[in-house]
Amino acid sequence: MHGKRLFNEYEGAFVENYIAQQLISHFHQPLFYWRSKGGKAELDFLCDFEGRICPLEVKAGINPKSKSLQSYDLQFNPTSLARTNLLNLKKDGKIYNLPLYAISLFSALIAKSNS
């Protein structure tokens, strides 16, 4: 109806919805999110893989900046962090970057980081 404008305005919501559907279909678990006290930082998903909470930030574009992921890391210091976007598969320190199409690899990468 509104052409390209519709996708530009809601692209983040569309991508978060896609990832939510993928997480449910691949990992069969309820979805949770995290918001810091004061609400300045929030993560789209917290996943439980073998008793470990794995934070996941969803980005619609190629911007790898993850202030909320960094905030979560400072507060909880998890073994690994993850973000999904349009960039290639890559590990940068303890942050895994997963392309949107590879979200099904999430638990396998996290498990591998513990071995």
PDB file of N, CA and C in Angstrom:
ATOM      1  N   MET A   1       0.809  -1.179   0.000  1.00  0.00           N
ATOM      2  CA  MET A   1       0.000   0.000   0.000  1.00  0.00           C
ATOM      3  C   MET A   1       0.871   1.269   0.000  1.00  0.00           C
ATOM      4  N   HIS A   2       1.877   1.287   0.851  1.00  0.00           N
ATOM      5  CA  HIS A   2       2.750   2.445   0.938  1.00  0.00           C
ATOM      6  C   HIS A   2       4.109   2.180   0.296  1.00  0.00           C
ATOM      7  N   GLY A   3       4.224   1.091  -0.432  1.00  0.00           N
ATOM      8  CA  GLY A   3       5.469   0.777  -1.121  1.00  0.00           C
ATOM      9  C   GLY A   3       6.619   0.516  -0.181  1.00  0.00           C
ATOM     10  N   LYS A   4       7.772   1.023  -0.554  1.00  0.00           N
ATOM     11  CA  LYS A   4       9.005   0.779   0.196  1.00  0.00           C
ATOM     12  C   LYS A   4       8.951   1.366   1.610  1.00  0.00           C
ATOM     13  N   ARG A   5       8.201   2.444   1.806  1.00  0.00           N
ATOM     14  CA  ARG A   5       8.109   3.099   3.114  1.00  0.00           C
ATOM     15  C   ARG A   5       7.689   2.121   4.204  1.00  0.00           C
ATOM     16  N   LEU A   6       6.746   1.254   3.921  1.00  0.00           N
ATOM     17  CA  LEU A   6       6.264   0.279   4.901  1.00  0.00           C
ATOM     18  C   LEU A   6       7.409  -0.584   5.423  1.00  0.00           C
ATOM     19  N   PHE A   7       8.272  -1.071   4.533  1.00  0.00           N
ATOM     20  CA  PHE A   7       9.374  -1.935   4.946  1.00  0.00           C
ATOM     21  C   PHE A   7      10.473  -1.151   5.657  1.00  0.00           C
ATOM     22  N   ASN A   8      10.700   0.073   5.256  1.00  0.00           N
ATOM     23  CA  ASN A   8      11.713   0.891   5.934  1.00  0.00           C
ATOM     24  C   ASN A   8      11.317   1.212   7.363  1.00  0.00           C
ATOM     25  N   GLU A   9      10.051   1.532   7.587  1.00  0.00           N
ATOM     26  CA  GLU A   9       9.597   1.917   8.913  1.00  0.00           C
ATOM     27  C   GLU A   9       9.512   0.735   9.879  1.00  0.00           C
ATOM     28  N   TYR A  10       9.200  -0.442   9.350  1.00  0.00           N
ATOM     29  CA  TYR A  10       8.966  -1.594  10.220  1.00  0.00           C
ATOM     30  C   TYR A  10       9.972  -2.721  10.025  1.00  0.00           C
ATOM     31  N   GLU A  11      11.088  -2.434   9.357  1.00  0.00           N
ATOM     32  CA  GLU A  11      12.019  -3.516   9.046  1.00  0.00           C
ATOM     33  C   GLU A  11      12.543  -4.196  10.305  1.00  0.00           C
ATOM     34  N   GLY A  12      12.804  -3.456  11.378  1.00  0.00           N
ATOM     35  CA  GLY A  12      13.266  -4.061  12.624  1.00  0.00           C
ATOM     36  C   GLY A  12      12.241  -5.024  13.196  1.00  0.00           C
ATOM     37  N   ALA A  13      10.984  -4.629  13.169  1.00  0.00           N
ATOM     38  CA  ALA A  13       9.912  -5.494  13.680  1.00  0.00           C
ATOM     39  C   ALA A  13       9.768  -6.750  12.832  1.00  0.00           C
ATOM     40  N   PHE A  14       9.879  -6.609  11.511  1.00  0.00           N
ATOM     41  CA  PHE A  14       9.788  -7.771  10.624  1.00  0.00           C
ATOM     42  C   PHE A  14      10.928  -8.754  10.904  1.00  0.00           C
ATOM     43  N   VAL A  15      12.123  -8.233  11.085  1.00  0.00           N
ATOM     44  CA  VAL A  15      13.288  -9.091  11.321  1.00  0.00           C
ATOM     45  C   VAL A  15      13.176  -9.767  12.688  1.00  0.00           C
ATOM     46  N   GLU A  16      12.754  -9.035  13.707  1.00  0.00           N
ATOM     47  CA  GLU A  16      12.565  -9.641  15.036  1.00  0.00           C
ATOM     48  C   GLU A  16      11.511 -10.743  14.981  1.00  0.00           C
ATOM     49  N   ASN A  17      10.451 -10.513  14.229  1.00  0.00           N
ATOM     50  CA  ASN A  17       9.408 -11.525  14.089  1.00  0.00           C
ATOM     51  C   ASN A  17       9.946 -12.764  13.383  1.00  0.00           C
ATOM     52  N   TYR A  18      10.743 -12.561  12.345  1.00  0.00           N
ATOM     53  CA  TYR A  18      11.361 -13.691  11.626  1.00  0.00           C
ATOM     54  C   TYR A  18      12.230 -14.517  12.580  1.00  0.00           C
ATOM     55  N   ILE A  19      13.067 -13.841  13.354  1.00  0.00           N
ATOM     56  CA  ILE A  19      13.953 -14.547  14.291  1.00  0.00           C
ATOM     57  C   ILE A  19      13.128 -15.263  15.361  1.00  0.00           C
ATOM     58  N   ALA A  20      12.079 -14.636  15.858  1.00  0.00           N
ATOM     59  CA  ALA A  20      11.213 -15.292  16.841  1.00  0.00           C
ATOM     60  C   ALA A  20      10.631 -16.583  16.273  1.00  0.00           C
ATOM     61  N   GLN A  21      10.157 -16.533  15.038  1.00  0.00           N
ATOM     62  CA  GLN A  21       9.603 -17.730  14.406  1.00  0.00           C
ATOM     63  C   GLN A  21      10.664 -18.816  14.249  1.00  0.00           C
ATOM     64  N   GLN A  22      11.867 -18.420  13.860  1.00  0.00           N
ATOM     65  CA  GLN A  22      12.949 -19.383  13.684  1.00  0.00           C
ATOM     66  C   GLN A  22      13.348 -20.015  15.026  1.00  0.00           C
ATOM     67  N   LEU A  23      13.456 -19.202  16.068  1.00  0.00           N
ATOM     68  CA  LEU A  23      13.827 -19.731  17.384  1.00  0.00           C
ATOM     69  C   LEU A  23      12.794 -20.736  17.879  1.00  0.00           C
ATOM     70  N   ILE A  24      11.530 -20.404  17.727  1.00  0.00           N
ATOM     71  CA  ILE A  24      10.480 -21.321  18.173  1.00  0.00           C
ATOM     72  C   ILE A  24      10.497 -22.608  17.357  1.00  0.00           C
ATOM     73  N   SER A  25      10.627 -22.498  16.041  1.00  0.00           N
ATOM     74  CA  SER A  25      10.570 -23.707  15.209  1.00  0.00           C
ATOM     75  C   SER A  25      11.806 -24.594  15.369  1.00  0.00           C
ATOM     76  N   HIS A  26      12.968 -24.013  15.643  1.00  0.00           N
ATOM     77  CA  HIS A  26      14.194 -24.818  15.766  1.00  0.00           C
ATOM     78  C   HIS A  26      14.449 -25.304  17.187  1.00  0.00           C
ATOM     79  N   PHE A  27      14.102 -24.493  18.183  1.00  0.00           N
ATOM     80  CA  PHE A  27      14.514 -24.814  19.549  1.00  0.00           C
ATOM     81  C   PHE A  27      13.355 -25.119  20.493  1.00  0.00           C
ATOM     82  N   HIS A  28      12.133 -24.913  20.063  1.00  0.00           N
ATOM     83  CA  HIS A  28      10.936 -25.318  20.820  1.00  0.00           C
ATOM     84  C   HIS A  28      10.981 -24.888  22.279  1.00  0.00           C
ATOM     85  N   GLN A  29      11.187 -23.600  22.502  1.00  0.00           N
ATOM     86  CA  GLN A  29      11.203 -23.095  23.863  1.00  0.00           C
ATOM     87  C   GLN A  29      10.535 -21.723  23.906  1.00  0.00           C
ATOM     88  N   PRO A  30      10.063 -21.329  25.085  1.00  0.00           N
ATOM     89  CA  PRO A  30       9.439 -20.001  25.186  1.00  0.00           C
ATOM     90  C   PRO A  30      10.460 -18.901  24.936  1.00  0.00           C
ATOM     91  N   LEU A  31       9.977 -17.758  24.523  1.00  0.00           N
ATOM     92  CA  LEU A  31      10.847 -16.624  24.236  1.00  0.00           C
ATOM     93  C   LEU A  31      10.822 -15.628  25.396  1.00  0.00           C
ATOM     94  N   PHE A  32      11.997 -15.102  25.717  1.00  0.00           N
ATOM     95  CA  PHE A  32      12.138 -14.101  26.767  1.00  0.00           C
ATOM     96  C   PHE A  32      13.003 -12.964  26.237  1.00  0.00           C
ATOM     97  N   TYR A  33      12.859 -11.792  26.832  1.00  0.00           N
ATOM     98  CA  TYR A  33      13.712 -10.666  26.493  1.00  0.00           C
ATOM     99  C   TYR A  33      14.247 -10.064  27.779  1.00  0.00           C
ATOM    100  N   TRP A  34      15.188  -9.128  27.653  1.00  0.00           N
ATOM    101  CA  TRP A  34      15.782  -8.479  28.815  1.00  0.00           C
ATOM    102  C   TRP A  34      15.771  -6.976  28.606  1.00  0.00           C
ATOM    103  N   ARG A  35      15.456  -6.262  29.676  1.00  0.00           N
ATOM    104  CA  ARG A  35      15.525  -4.798  29.679  1.00  0.00           C
ATOM    105  C   ARG A  35      16.229  -4.371  30.959  1.00  0.00           C
ATOM    106  N   SER A  36      17.176  -3.467  30.836  1.00  0.00           N
ATOM    107  CA  SER A  36      17.920  -2.995  32.005  1.00  0.00           C
ATOM    108  C   SER A  36      17.022  -2.140  32.893  1.00  0.00           C
ATOM    109  N   LYS A  37      17.425  -1.992  34.133  1.00  0.00           N
ATOM    110  CA  LYS A  37      16.708  -1.077  35.017  1.00  0.00           C
ATOM    111  C   LYS A  37      16.844   0.315  34.408  1.00  0.00           C
ATOM    112  N   GLY A  38      15.758   1.004  34.323  1.00  0.00           N
ATOM    113  CA  GLY A  38      15.770   2.314  33.683  1.00  0.00           C
ATOM    114  C   GLY A  38      15.428   2.232  32.209  1.00  0.00           C
ATOM    115  N   GLY A  39      15.475   1.030  31.641  1.00  0.00           N
ATOM    116  CA  GLY A  39      15.049   0.801  30.264  1.00  0.00           C
ATOM    117  C   GLY A  39      15.951   1.337  29.173  1.00  0.00           C
ATOM    118  N   LYS A  40      17.206   1.670  29.483  1.00  0.00           N
ATOM    119  CA  LYS A  40      18.094   2.214  28.452  1.00  0.00           C
ATOM    120  C   LYS A  40      18.667   1.135  27.540  1.00  0.00           C
ATOM    121  N   ALA A  41      18.708  -0.097  28.011  1.00  0.00           N
ATOM    122  CA  ALA A  41      19.241  -1.205  27.204  1.00  0.00           C
ATOM    123  C   ALA A  41      18.225  -2.332  27.197  1.00  0.00           C
ATOM    124  N   GLU A  42      18.097  -2.985  26.057  1.00  0.00           N
ATOM    125  CA  GLU A  42      17.224  -4.158  25.983  1.00  0.00           C
ATOM    126  C   GLU A  42      17.732  -5.117  24.918  1.00  0.00           C
ATOM    127  N   LEU A  43      17.547  -6.389  25.207  1.00  0.00           N
ATOM    128  CA  LEU A  43      17.914  -7.440  24.266  1.00  0.00           C
ATOM    129  C   LEU A  43      16.649  -8.120  23.795  1.00  0.00           C
ATOM    130  N   ASP A  44      16.655  -8.494  22.531  1.00  0.00           N
ATOM    131  CA  ASP A  44      15.460  -9.045  21.911  1.00  0.00           C
ATOM    132  C   ASP A  44      15.100 -10.427  22.435  1.00  0.00           C
ATOM    133  N   PHE A  45      16.121 -11.259  22.694  1.00  0.00           N
ATOM    134  CA  PHE A  45      15.837 -12.627  23.122  1.00  0.00           C
ATOM    135  C   PHE A  45      16.877 -13.116  24.121  1.00  0.00           C
ATOM    136  N   LEU A  46      16.416 -13.893  25.088  1.00  0.00           N
ATOM    137  CA  LEU A  46      17.282 -14.668  25.966  1.00  0.00           C
ATOM    138  C   LEU A  46      16.886 -16.118  25.753  1.00  0.00           C
ATOM    139  N   CYS A  47      17.831 -16.928  25.329  1.00  0.00           N
ATOM    140  CA  CYS A  47      17.556 -18.333  25.049  1.00  0.00           C
ATOM    141  C   CYS A  47      18.258 -19.203  26.080  1.00  0.00           C
ATOM    142  N   ASP A  48      17.637 -20.309  26.409  1.00  0.00           N
ATOM    143  CA  ASP A  48      18.194 -21.253  27.376  1.00  0.00           C
ATOM    144  C   ASP A  48      18.661 -22.492  26.619  1.00  0.00           C
ATOM    145  N   PHE A  49      19.967 -22.680  26.574  1.00  0.00           N
ATOM    146  CA  PHE A  49      20.552 -23.864  25.941  1.00  0.00           C
ATOM    147  C   PHE A  49      21.316 -24.635  27.007  1.00  0.00           C
ATOM    148  N   GLU A  50      20.769 -25.798  27.375  1.00  0.00           N
ATOM    149  CA  GLU A  50      21.386 -26.673  28.364  1.00  0.00           C
ATOM    150  C   GLU A  50      21.675 -25.940  29.674  1.00  0.00           C
ATOM    151  N   GLY A  51      20.697 -25.139  30.123  1.00  0.00           N
ATOM    152  CA  GLY A  51      20.823 -24.443  31.388  1.00  0.00           C
ATOM    153  C   GLY A  51      21.638 -23.162  31.348  1.00  0.00           C
ATOM    154  N   ARG A  52      22.089 -22.764  30.178  1.00  0.00           N
ATOM    155  CA  ARG A  52      22.851 -21.523  30.029  1.00  0.00           C
ATOM    156  C   ARG A  52      21.987 -20.488  29.333  1.00  0.00           C
ATOM    157  N   ILE A  53      21.945 -19.296  29.881  1.00  0.00           N
ATOM    158  CA  ILE A  53      21.200 -18.207  29.266  1.00  0.00           C
ATOM    159  C   ILE A  53      22.097 -17.548  28.215  1.00  0.00           C
ATOM    160  N   CYS A  54      21.589 -17.494  26.990  1.00  0.00           N
ATOM    161  CA  CYS A  54      22.352 -16.936  25.874  1.00  0.00           C
ATOM    162  C   CYS A  54      21.612 -15.725  25.311  1.00  0.00           C
ATOM    163  N   PRO A  55      22.166 -14.529  25.492  1.00  0.00           N
ATOM    164  CA  PRO A  55      21.520 -13.327  24.984  1.00  0.00           C
ATOM    165  C   PRO A  55      21.681 -13.200  23.469  1.00  0.00           C
ATOM    166  N   LEU A  56      20.643 -12.692  22.819  1.00  0.00           N
ATOM    167  CA  LEU A  56      20.647 -12.517  21.367  1.00  0.00           C
ATOM    168  C   LEU A  56      20.064 -11.163  21.020  1.00  0.00           C
ATOM    169  N   GLU A  57      20.831 -10.364  20.327  1.00  0.00           N
ATOM    170  CA  GLU A  57      20.363  -9.074  19.839  1.00  0.00           C
ATOM    171  C   GLU A  57      20.116  -9.185  18.336  1.00  0.00           C
ATOM    172  N   VAL A  58      18.985  -8.695  17.893  1.00  0.00           N
ATOM    173  CA  VAL A  58      18.592  -8.776  16.487  1.00  0.00           C
ATOM    174  C   VAL A  58      18.733  -7.397  15.856  1.00  0.00           C
ATOM    175  N   LYS A  59      19.450  -7.357  14.736  1.00  0.00           N
ATOM    176  CA  LYS A  59      19.626  -6.123  13.978  1.00  0.00           C
ATOM    177  C   LYS A  59      19.099  -6.344  12.563  1.00  0.00           C
ATOM    178  N   ALA A  60      18.420  -5.346  12.019  1.00  0.00           N
ATOM    179  CA  ALA A  60      17.839  -5.477  10.683  1.00  0.00           C
ATOM    180  C   ALA A  60      18.851  -5.211   9.579  1.00  0.00           C
ATOM    181  N   GLY A  61      19.886  -4.462   9.858  1.00  0.00           N
ATOM    182  CA  GLY A  61      20.832  -4.089   8.818  1.00  0.00           C
ATOM    183  C   GLY A  61      22.198  -4.699   9.013  1.00  0.00           C
ATOM    184  N   ILE A  62      23.220  -3.903   8.695  1.00  0.00           N
ATOM    185  CA  ILE A  62      24.596  -4.393   8.806  1.00  0.00           C
ATOM    186  C   ILE A  62      25.365  -3.709   9.931  1.00  0.00           C
ATOM    187  N   ASN A  63      24.710  -2.880  10.716  1.00  0.00           N
ATOM    188  CA  ASN A  63      25.363  -2.189  11.814  1.00  0.00           C
ATOM    189  C   ASN A  63      25.692  -3.175  12.939  1.00  0.00           C
ATOM    190  N   PRO A  64      26.976  -3.406  13.202  1.00  0.00           N
ATOM    191  CA  PRO A  64      27.341  -4.368  14.252  1.00  0.00           C
ATOM    192  C   PRO A  64      27.392  -3.764  15.657  1.00  0.00           C
ATOM    193  N   LYS A  65      27.061  -2.495  15.826  1.00  0.00           N
ATOM    194  CA  LYS A  65      27.085  -1.877  17.153  1.00  0.00           C
ATOM    195  C   LYS A  65      26.028  -2.535  18.035  1.00  0.00           C
ATOM    196  N   SER A  66      26.416  -2.875  19.241  1.00  0.00           N
ATOM    197  CA  SER A  66      25.508  -3.587  20.147  1.00  0.00           C
ATOM    198  C   SER A  66      25.644  -3.044  21.555  1.00  0.00           C
ATOM    199  N   LYS A  67      25.150  -1.824  21.784  1.00  0.00           N
ATOM    200  CA  LYS A  67      25.255  -1.226  23.117  1.00  0.00           C
ATOM    201  C   LYS A  67      24.500  -2.031  24.166  1.00  0.00           C
ATOM    202  N   SER A  68      23.341  -2.553  23.795  1.00  0.00           N
ATOM    203  CA  SER A  68      22.565  -3.347  24.754  1.00  0.00           C
ATOM    204  C   SER A  68      23.280  -4.648  25.087  1.00  0.00           C
ATOM    205  N   LEU A  69      23.907  -5.259  24.092  1.00  0.00           N
ATOM    206  CA  LEU A  69      24.666  -6.494  24.314  1.00  0.00           C
ATOM    207  C   LEU A  69      25.837  -6.216  25.261  1.00  0.00           C
ATOM    208  N   GLN A  70      26.505  -5.093  25.068  1.00  0.00           N
ATOM    209  CA  GLN A  70      27.608  -4.716  25.946  1.00  0.00           C
ATOM    210  C   GLN A  70      27.122  -4.447  27.370  1.00  0.00           C
ATOM    211  N   SER A  71      25.966  -3.812  27.488  1.00  0.00           N
ATOM    212  CA  SER A  71      25.390  -3.544  28.802  1.00  0.00           C
ATOM    213  C   SER A  71      25.057  -4.848  29.530  1.00  0.00           C
ATOM    214  N   TYR A  72      24.471  -5.800  28.816  1.00  0.00           N
ATOM    215  CA  TYR A  72      24.152  -7.104  29.392  1.00  0.00           C
ATOM    216  C   TYR A  72      25.440  -7.806  29.819  1.00  0.00           C
ATOM    217  N   ASP A  73      26.460  -7.736  28.994  1.00  0.00           N
ATOM    218  CA  ASP A  73      27.740  -8.369  29.291  1.00  0.00           C
ATOM    219  C   ASP A  73      28.351  -7.789  30.572  1.00  0.00           C
ATOM    220  N   LEU A  74      28.317  -6.482  30.715  1.00  0.00           N
ATOM    221  CA  LEU A  74      28.870  -5.849  31.922  1.00  0.00           C
ATOM    222  C   LEU A  74      28.121  -6.272  33.178  1.00  0.00           C
ATOM    223  N   GLN A  75      26.816  -6.447  33.056  1.00  0.00           N
ATOM    224  CA  GLN A  75      26.021  -6.789  34.229  1.00  0.00           C
ATOM    225  C   GLN A  75      26.081  -8.274  34.590  1.00  0.00           C
ATOM    226  N   PHE A  76      26.086  -9.154  33.579  1.00  0.00           N
ATOM    227  CA  PHE A  76      25.960 -10.594  33.857  1.00  0.00           C
ATOM    228  C   PHE A  76      27.181 -11.429  33.463  1.00  0.00           C
ATOM    229  N   ASN A  77      28.066 -10.908  32.640  1.00  0.00           N
ATOM    230  CA  ASN A  77      29.289 -11.583  32.196  1.00  0.00           C
ATOM    231  C   ASN A  77      29.054 -13.023  31.717  1.00  0.00           C
ATOM    232  N   PRO A  78      28.202 -13.217  30.699  1.00  0.00           N
ATOM    233  CA  PRO A  78      27.989 -14.568  30.180  1.00  0.00           C
ATOM    234  C   PRO A  78      29.215 -15.047  29.402  1.00  0.00           C
ATOM    235  N   THR A  79      29.289 -16.356  29.189  1.00  0.00           N
ATOM    236  CA  THR A  79      30.397 -16.938  28.441  1.00  0.00           C
ATOM    237  C   THR A  79      30.426 -16.451  26.997  1.00  0.00           C
ATOM    238  N   SER A  80      29.239 -16.305  26.395  1.00  0.00           N
ATOM    239  CA  SER A  80      29.161 -15.842  25.021  1.00  0.00           C
ATOM    240  C   SER A  80      27.920 -14.988  24.809  1.00  0.00           C
ATOM    241  N   LEU A  81      27.999 -14.162  23.789  1.00  0.00           N
ATOM    242  CA  LEU A  81      26.924 -13.257  23.398  1.00  0.00           C
ATOM    243  C   LEU A  81      26.663 -13.473  21.912  1.00  0.00           C
ATOM    244  N   ALA A  82      25.476 -13.118  21.461  1.00  0.00           N
ATOM    245  CA  ALA A  82      25.188 -13.305  20.036  1.00  0.00           C
ATOM    246  C   ALA A  82      24.348 -12.160  19.501  1.00  0.00           C
ATOM    247  N   ARG A  83      24.589 -11.882  18.240  1.00  0.00           N
ATOM    248  CA  ARG A  83      23.760 -10.919  17.528  1.00  0.00           C
ATOM    249  C   ARG A  83      23.539 -11.474  16.131  1.00  0.00           C
ATOM    250  N   THR A  84      22.395 -11.160  15.573  1.00  0.00           N
ATOM    251  CA  THR A  84      22.104 -11.599  14.218  1.00  0.00           C
ATOM    252  C   THR A  84      21.780 -10.372  13.373  1.00  0.00           C
ATOM    253  N   ASN A  85      22.311 -10.373  12.153  1.00  0.00           N
ATOM    254  CA  ASN A  85      22.117  -9.251  11.238  1.00  0.00           C
ATOM    255  C   ASN A  85      22.435  -9.716   9.813  1.00  0.00           C
ATOM    256  N   LEU A  86      22.758  -8.784   8.947  1.00  0.00           N
ATOM    257  CA  LEU A  86      23.033  -9.131   7.549  1.00  0.00           C
ATOM    258  C   LEU A  86      24.507  -9.394   7.267  1.00  0.00           C
ATOM    259  N   LEU A  87      25.356  -9.333   8.275  1.00  0.00           N
ATOM    260  CA  LEU A  87      26.786  -9.603   8.083  1.00  0.00           C
ATOM    261  C   LEU A  87      27.050 -11.104   8.073  1.00  0.00           C
ATOM    262  N   ASN A  88      28.254 -11.483   7.669  1.00  0.00           N
ATOM    263  CA  ASN A  88      28.641 -12.894   7.620  1.00  0.00           C
ATOM    264  C   ASN A  88      28.879 -13.473   9.019  1.00  0.00           C
ATOM    265  N   LEU A  89      28.926 -14.789   9.075  1.00  0.00           N
ATOM    266  CA  LEU A  89      29.230 -15.499  10.312  1.00  0.00           C
ATOM    267  C   LEU A  89      30.630 -15.121  10.770  1.00  0.00           C
ATOM    268  N   LYS A  90      30.740 -14.748  12.039  1.00  0.00           N
ATOM    269  CA  LYS A  90      32.026 -14.286  12.548  1.00  0.00           C
ATOM    270  C   LYS A  90      31.988 -14.320  14.074  1.00  0.00           C
ATOM    271  N   LYS A  91      33.138 -14.543  14.679  1.00  0.00           N
ATOM    272  CA  LYS A  91      33.260 -14.443  16.128  1.00  0.00           C
ATOM    273  C   LYS A  91      34.244 -13.329  16.438  1.00  0.00           C
ATOM    274  N   ASP A  92      33.823 -12.409  17.280  1.00  0.00           N
ATOM    275  CA  ASP A  92      34.651 -11.273  17.665  1.00  0.00           C
ATOM    276  C   ASP A  92      34.719 -11.271  19.190  1.00  0.00           C
ATOM    277  N   GLY A  93      35.803 -11.841  19.732  1.00  0.00           N
ATOM    278  CA  GLY A  93      35.880 -12.006  21.181  1.00  0.00           C
ATOM    279  C   GLY A  93      34.853 -13.026  21.613  1.00  0.00           C
ATOM    280  N   LYS A  94      33.947 -12.631  22.479  1.00  0.00           N
ATOM    281  CA  LYS A  94      32.908 -13.575  22.888  1.00  0.00           C
ATOM    282  C   LYS A  94      31.567 -13.299  22.211  1.00  0.00           C
ATOM    283  N   ILE A  95      31.576 -12.407  21.215  1.00  0.00           N
ATOM    284  CA  ILE A  95      30.351 -12.102  20.470  1.00  0.00           C
ATOM    285  C   ILE A  95      30.327 -12.884  19.160  1.00  0.00           C
ATOM    286  N   TYR A  96      29.277 -13.678  18.994  1.00  0.00           N
ATOM    287  CA  TYR A  96      29.045 -14.384  17.740  1.00  0.00           C
ATOM    288  C   TYR A  96      28.127 -13.538  16.874  1.00  0.00           C
ATOM    289  N   ASN A  97      28.524 -13.330  15.637  1.00  0.00           N
ATOM    290  CA  ASN A  97      27.664 -12.666  14.678  1.00  0.00           C
ATOM    291  C   ASN A  97      27.083 -13.739  13.762  1.00  0.00           C
ATOM    292  N   LEU A  98      25.766 -13.870  13.787  1.00  0.00           N
ATOM    293  CA  LEU A  98      25.090 -14.866  12.954  1.00  0.00           C
ATOM    294  C   LEU A  98      24.297 -14.168  11.864  1.00  0.00           C
ATOM    295  N   PRO A  99      24.504 -14.542  10.612  1.00  0.00           N
ATOM    296  CA  PRO A  99      23.630 -14.011   9.565  1.00  0.00           C
ATOM    297  C   PRO A  99      22.196 -14.449   9.854  1.00  0.00           C
ATOM    298  N   LEU A 100      21.248 -13.655   9.436  1.00  0.00           N
ATOM    299  CA  LEU A 100      19.839 -13.969   9.710  1.00  0.00           C
ATOM    300  C   LEU A 100      19.468 -15.377   9.274  1.00  0.00           C
ATOM    301  N   TYR A 101      19.987 -15.817   8.131  1.00  0.00           N
ATOM    302  CA  TYR A 101      19.615 -17.134   7.606  1.00  0.00           C
ATOM    303  C   TYR A 101      20.218 -18.285   8.415  1.00  0.00           C
ATOM    304  N   ALA A 102      21.181 -17.997   9.298  1.00  0.00           N
ATOM    305  CA  ALA A 102      21.888 -19.062  10.024  1.00  0.00           C
ATOM    306  C   ALA A 102      21.481 -19.141  11.493  1.00  0.00           C
ATOM    307  N   ILE A 103      20.351 -18.590  11.847  1.00  0.00           N
ATOM    308  CA  ILE A 103      19.940 -18.598  13.254  1.00  0.00           C
ATOM    309  C   ILE A 103      19.774 -20.026  13.783  1.00  0.00           C
ATOM    310  N   SER A 104      19.529 -20.973  12.918  1.00  0.00           N
ATOM    311  CA  SER A 104      19.385 -22.370  13.359  1.00  0.00           C
ATOM    312  C   SER A 104      20.697 -22.923  13.930  1.00  0.00           C
ATOM    313  N   LEU A 105      21.811 -22.273  13.657  1.00  0.00           N
ATOM    314  CA  LEU A 105      23.116 -22.700  14.188  1.00  0.00           C
ATOM    315  C   LEU A 105      23.409 -22.139  15.575  1.00  0.00           C
ATOM    316  N   PHE A 106      22.524 -21.321  16.078  1.00  0.00           N
ATOM    317  CA  PHE A 106      22.747 -20.611  17.332  1.00  0.00           C
ATOM    318  C   PHE A 106      23.173 -21.536  18.466  1.00  0.00           C
ATOM    319  N   SER A 107      22.400 -22.542  18.767  1.00  0.00           N
ATOM    320  CA  SER A 107      22.723 -23.415  19.907  1.00  0.00           C
ATOM    321  C   SER A 107      24.010 -24.196  19.680  1.00  0.00           C
ATOM    322  N   ALA A 108      24.278 -24.615  18.445  1.00  0.00           N
ATOM    323  CA  ALA A 108      25.499 -25.362  18.150  1.00  0.00           C
ATOM    324  C   ALA A 108      26.728 -24.495  18.357  1.00  0.00           C
ATOM    325  N   LEU A 109      26.675 -23.240  17.965  1.00  0.00           N
ATOM    326  CA  LEU A 109      27.811 -22.333  18.159  1.00  0.00           C
ATOM    327  C   LEU A 109      28.039 -22.052  19.643  1.00  0.00           C
ATOM    328  N   ILE A 110      26.958 -21.876  20.361  1.00  0.00           N
ATOM    329  CA  ILE A 110      27.074 -21.604  21.791  1.00  0.00           C
ATOM    330  C   ILE A 110      27.649 -22.818  22.507  1.00  0.00           C
ATOM    331  N   ALA A 111      27.185 -24.013  22.154  1.00  0.00           N
ATOM    332  CA  ALA A 111      27.712 -25.235  22.769  1.00  0.00           C
ATOM    333  C   ALA A 111      29.188 -25.391  22.465  1.00  0.00           C
ATOM    334  N   LYS A 112      29.573 -25.068  21.237  1.00  0.00           N
ATOM    335  CA  LYS A 112      30.973 -25.177  20.825  1.00  0.00           C
ATOM    336  C   LYS A 112      31.852 -24.196  21.620  1.00  0.00           C
ATOM    337  N   SER A 113      31.316 -23.048  21.972  1.00  0.00           N
ATOM    338  CA  SER A 113      32.099 -22.064  22.711  1.00  0.00           C
ATOM    339  C   SER A 113      32.433 -22.529  24.123  1.00  0.00           C
ATOM    340  N   ASN A 114      31.682 -23.512  24.627  1.00  0.00           N
ATOM    341  CA  ASN A 114      31.940 -24.036  25.963  1.00  0.00           C
ATOM    342  C   ASN A 114      32.919 -25.191  25.967  1.00  0.00           C
ATOM    343  N   SER A 115      33.252 -25.724  24.800  1.00  0.00           N
ATOM    344  CA  SER A 115      34.140 -26.889  24.784  1.00  0.00           C
ATOM    345  C   SER A 115      35.581 -26.506  24.576  1.00  0.00           C
TER     346      SER A 115
END
